[in-house]
Amino acid sequence: MRFYIIFSIIIAAVIIVECSHTFMGTNVMRELVYTRKVHYDSYFLRKRVENVTITVPSKFGFPRAIQGILAYDLTKSSASANVTAGGLGFSYVTLRMKSERGLDIKYDIYVYV
């Protein structure tokens, strides 16, 4: 029984450390309105930082509020994607993506309203 508990804690710690995806809000019963694959090449021995701004198209002349944002890291590294402007409740979002030293930035970005 102790072995099972210790093994579970170690596996959970490894999973938590390896996950670098960003998810905000909800996508349950929401419409996917925007998807984009982002790829930036690496700099030699430096971290790469890029900003991506996404604007949700309006429907019938009214802006639509974002209900969910998913930034899925395809490199499976310790890269990060943070919301710096807009986001949930707004019709736009700006994501700041930072790579690990010497690696590419590769993300799938999904926006739900």
C-alpha atoms as a PDB file:
ATOM      1  CA  MET A   1       0.000   0.000   0.000  1.00  0.00           C
ATOM      2  CA  ARG A   2       2.841   2.407   0.838  1.00  0.00           C
ATOM      3  CA  PHE A   3       4.552   1.626  -2.439  1.00  0.00           C
ATOM      4  CA  TYR A   4       1.382   2.514  -4.350  1.00  0.00           C
ATOM      5  CA  ILE A   5       1.039   5.875  -2.541  1.00  0.00           C
ATOM      6  CA  ILE A   6       4.695   6.801  -3.046  1.00  0.00           C
ATOM      7  CA  PHE A   7       4.586   5.714  -6.697  1.00  0.00           C
ATOM      8  CA  SER A   8       1.428   7.824  -7.265  1.00  0.00           C
ATOM      9  CA  ILE A   9       3.023  10.904  -5.721  1.00  0.00           C
ATOM     10  CA  ILE A  10       6.149  10.535  -7.879  1.00  0.00           C
ATOM     11  CA  ILE A  11       4.090  10.111 -11.064  1.00  0.00           C
ATOM     12  CA  ALA A  12       1.940  13.143 -10.154  1.00  0.00           C
ATOM     13  CA  ALA A  13       5.068  15.247  -9.555  1.00  0.00           C
ATOM     14  CA  VAL A  14       6.525  14.243 -12.930  1.00  0.00           C
ATOM     15  CA  ILE A  15       3.270  15.061 -14.704  1.00  0.00           C
ATOM     16  CA  ILE A  16       3.004  18.455 -12.997  1.00  0.00           C
ATOM     17  CA  VAL A  17       6.582  19.365 -13.900  1.00  0.00           C
ATOM     18  CA  GLU A  18       6.249  18.297 -17.551  1.00  0.00           C
ATOM     19  CA  CYS A  19       2.985  20.132 -18.292  1.00  0.00           C
ATOM     20  CA  SER A  20       3.439  23.595 -19.793  1.00  0.00           C
ATOM     21  CA  HIS A  21       0.070  24.110 -21.425  1.00  0.00           C
ATOM     22  CA  THR A  22      -2.049  27.161 -20.650  1.00  0.00           C
ATOM     23  CA  PHE A  23      -5.804  26.783 -20.194  1.00  0.00           C
ATOM     24  CA  MET A  24      -8.139  29.519 -18.989  1.00  0.00           C
ATOM     25  CA  GLY A  25     -11.913  29.544 -18.776  1.00  0.00           C
ATOM     26  CA  THR A  26     -14.005  26.759 -20.217  1.00  0.00           C
ATOM     27  CA  ASN A  27     -14.630  25.092 -23.541  1.00  0.00           C
ATOM     28  CA  VAL A  28     -17.685  23.105 -22.419  1.00  0.00           C
ATOM     29  CA  MET A  29     -20.622  23.887 -24.734  1.00  0.00           C
ATOM     30  CA  ARG A  30     -18.654  26.791 -26.254  1.00  0.00           C
ATOM     31  CA  GLU A  31     -18.053  27.576 -29.901  1.00  0.00           C
ATOM     32  CA  LEU A  32     -14.497  27.318 -31.221  1.00  0.00           C
ATOM     33  CA  VAL A  33     -13.974  30.540 -33.175  1.00  0.00           C
ATOM     34  CA  TYR A  34     -10.229  30.691 -33.615  1.00  0.00           C
ATOM     35  CA  THR A  35      -7.412  28.198 -34.009  1.00  0.00           C
ATOM     36  CA  ARG A  36      -3.828  28.834 -34.986  1.00  0.00           C
ATOM     37  CA  LYS A  37      -0.532  26.971 -35.085  1.00  0.00           C
ATOM     38  CA  VAL A  38       2.337  29.181 -33.989  1.00  0.00           C
ATOM     39  CA  HIS A  39       5.943  28.283 -34.801  1.00  0.00           C
ATOM     40  CA  TYR A  40       9.012  30.421 -34.262  1.00  0.00           C
ATOM     41  CA  ASP A  41      12.544  29.124 -34.797  1.00  0.00           C
ATOM     42  CA  SER A  42      15.009  29.106 -31.926  1.00  0.00           C
ATOM     43  CA  TYR A  43      17.860  31.479 -31.166  1.00  0.00           C
ATOM     44  CA  PHE A  44      21.224  29.903 -30.460  1.00  0.00           C
ATOM     45  CA  LEU A  45      21.645  29.565 -26.665  1.00  0.00           C
ATOM     46  CA  ARG A  46      18.965  32.222 -25.978  1.00  0.00           C
ATOM     47  CA  LYS A  47      15.319  32.215 -24.985  1.00  0.00           C
ATOM     48  CA  ARG A  48      12.902  33.457 -27.599  1.00  0.00           C
ATOM     49  CA  VAL A  49       9.995  35.696 -26.559  1.00  0.00           C
ATOM     50  CA  GLU A  50       7.101  36.441 -28.922  1.00  0.00           C
ATOM     51  CA  ASN A  51       3.737  38.164 -28.514  1.00  0.00           C
ATOM     52  CA  VAL A  52       0.667  36.964 -30.412  1.00  0.00           C
ATOM     53  CA  THR A  53      -2.525  39.048 -30.494  1.00  0.00           C
ATOM     54  CA  ILE A  54      -5.807  37.374 -31.400  1.00  0.00           C
ATOM     55  CA  THR A  55      -9.024  39.271 -32.085  1.00  0.00           C
ATOM     56  CA  VAL A  56     -12.330  37.414 -32.097  1.00  0.00           C
ATOM     57  CA  PRO A  57     -14.552  38.246 -35.089  1.00  0.00           C
ATOM     58  CA  SER A  58     -17.771  40.038 -34.191  1.00  0.00           C
ATOM     59  CA  LYS A  59     -21.165  38.548 -34.936  1.00  0.00           C
ATOM     60  CA  PHE A  60     -23.965  40.805 -36.195  1.00  0.00           C
ATOM     61  CA  GLY A  61     -21.877  43.883 -35.319  1.00  0.00           C
ATOM     62  CA  PHE A  62     -21.510  43.000 -31.623  1.00  0.00           C
ATOM     63  CA  PRO A  63     -18.168  41.965 -30.141  1.00  0.00           C
ATOM     64  CA  ARG A  64     -18.132  38.464 -28.656  1.00  0.00           C
ATOM     65  CA  ALA A  65     -16.503  37.825 -25.283  1.00  0.00           C
ATOM     66  CA  ILE A  66     -13.878  35.103 -24.966  1.00  0.00           C
ATOM     67  CA  GLN A  67     -14.949  32.264 -22.660  1.00  0.00           C
ATOM     68  CA  GLY A  68     -11.954  29.925 -22.998  1.00  0.00           C
ATOM     69  CA  ILE A  69      -8.326  29.981 -24.128  1.00  0.00           C
ATOM     70  CA  LEU A  70      -6.122  26.951 -24.688  1.00  0.00           C
ATOM     71  CA  ALA A  71      -2.439  27.250 -25.614  1.00  0.00           C
ATOM     72  CA  TYR A  72      -1.070  23.738 -26.134  1.00  0.00           C
ATOM     73  CA  ASP A  73       2.723  23.373 -26.113  1.00  0.00           C
ATOM     74  CA  LEU A  74       3.818  21.033 -28.917  1.00  0.00           C
ATOM     75  CA  THR A  75       7.492  20.909 -27.878  1.00  0.00           C
ATOM     76  CA  LYS A  76       6.708  19.317 -24.496  1.00  0.00           C
ATOM     77  CA  SER A  77       9.300  21.581 -22.869  1.00  0.00           C
ATOM     78  CA  SER A  78       9.172  24.145 -20.105  1.00  0.00           C
ATOM     79  CA  ALA A  79       8.070  26.905 -22.485  1.00  0.00           C
ATOM     80  CA  SER A  80       5.392  29.276 -21.175  1.00  0.00           C
ATOM     81  CA  ALA A  81       2.415  31.161 -22.583  1.00  0.00           C
ATOM     82  CA  ASN A  82       0.906  33.945 -20.472  1.00  0.00           C
ATOM     83  CA  VAL A  83      -1.981  36.321 -21.091  1.00  0.00           C
ATOM     84  CA  THR A  84      -0.693  39.907 -21.010  1.00  0.00           C
ATOM     85  CA  ALA A  85      -3.735  41.798 -22.343  1.00  0.00           C
ATOM     86  CA  GLY A  86      -7.414  41.072 -22.827  1.00  0.00           C
ATOM     87  CA  GLY A  87      -8.411  37.490 -22.158  1.00  0.00           C
ATOM     88  CA  LEU A  88     -11.588  36.150 -20.587  1.00  0.00           C
ATOM     89  CA  GLY A  89     -14.503  38.561 -20.985  1.00  0.00           C
ATOM     90  CA  PHE A  90     -12.783  40.570 -23.720  1.00  0.00           C
ATOM     91  CA  SER A  91     -12.934  40.250 -27.506  1.00  0.00           C
ATOM     92  CA  TYR A  92      -9.150  39.996 -27.855  1.00  0.00           C
ATOM     93  CA  VAL A  93      -6.219  38.332 -26.143  1.00  0.00           C
ATOM     94  CA  THR A  94      -2.459  38.883 -26.262  1.00  0.00           C
ATOM     95  CA  LEU A  95      -0.295  35.887 -25.408  1.00  0.00           C
ATOM     96  CA  ARG A  96       3.364  36.238 -24.448  1.00  0.00           C
ATOM     97  CA  MET A  97       5.196  33.033 -25.352  1.00  0.00           C
ATOM     98  CA  LYS A  98       8.669  32.291 -24.042  1.00  0.00           C
ATOM     99  CA  SER A  99      10.712  29.294 -25.159  1.00  0.00           C
ATOM    100  CA  GLU A 100      13.220  27.247 -23.289  1.00  0.00           C
ATOM    101  CA  ARG A 101      16.835  28.227 -23.934  1.00  0.00           C
ATOM    102  CA  GLY A 102      17.839  27.161 -27.468  1.00  0.00           C
ATOM    103  CA  LEU A 103      14.476  25.578 -28.409  1.00  0.00           C
ATOM    104  CA  ASP A 104      11.690  26.500 -30.847  1.00  0.00           C
ATOM    105  CA  ILE A 105       8.301  27.914 -29.883  1.00  0.00           C
ATOM    106  CA  LYS A 106       5.501  25.652 -31.135  1.00  0.00           C
ATOM    107  CA  TYR A 107       1.940  26.125 -29.875  1.00  0.00           C
ATOM    108  CA  ASP A 108      -1.587  25.288 -30.931  1.00  0.00           C
ATOM    109  CA  ILE A 109      -3.874  28.125 -29.829  1.00  0.00           C
ATOM    110  CA  TYR A 110      -7.653  27.675 -29.470  1.00  0.00           C
ATOM    111  CA  VAL A 111     -10.141  30.415 -28.525  1.00  0.00           C
ATOM    112  CA  TYR A 112     -13.735  29.680 -27.468  1.00  0.00           C
ATOM    113  CA  VAL A 113     -16.716  32.058 -27.130  1.00  0.00           C
END
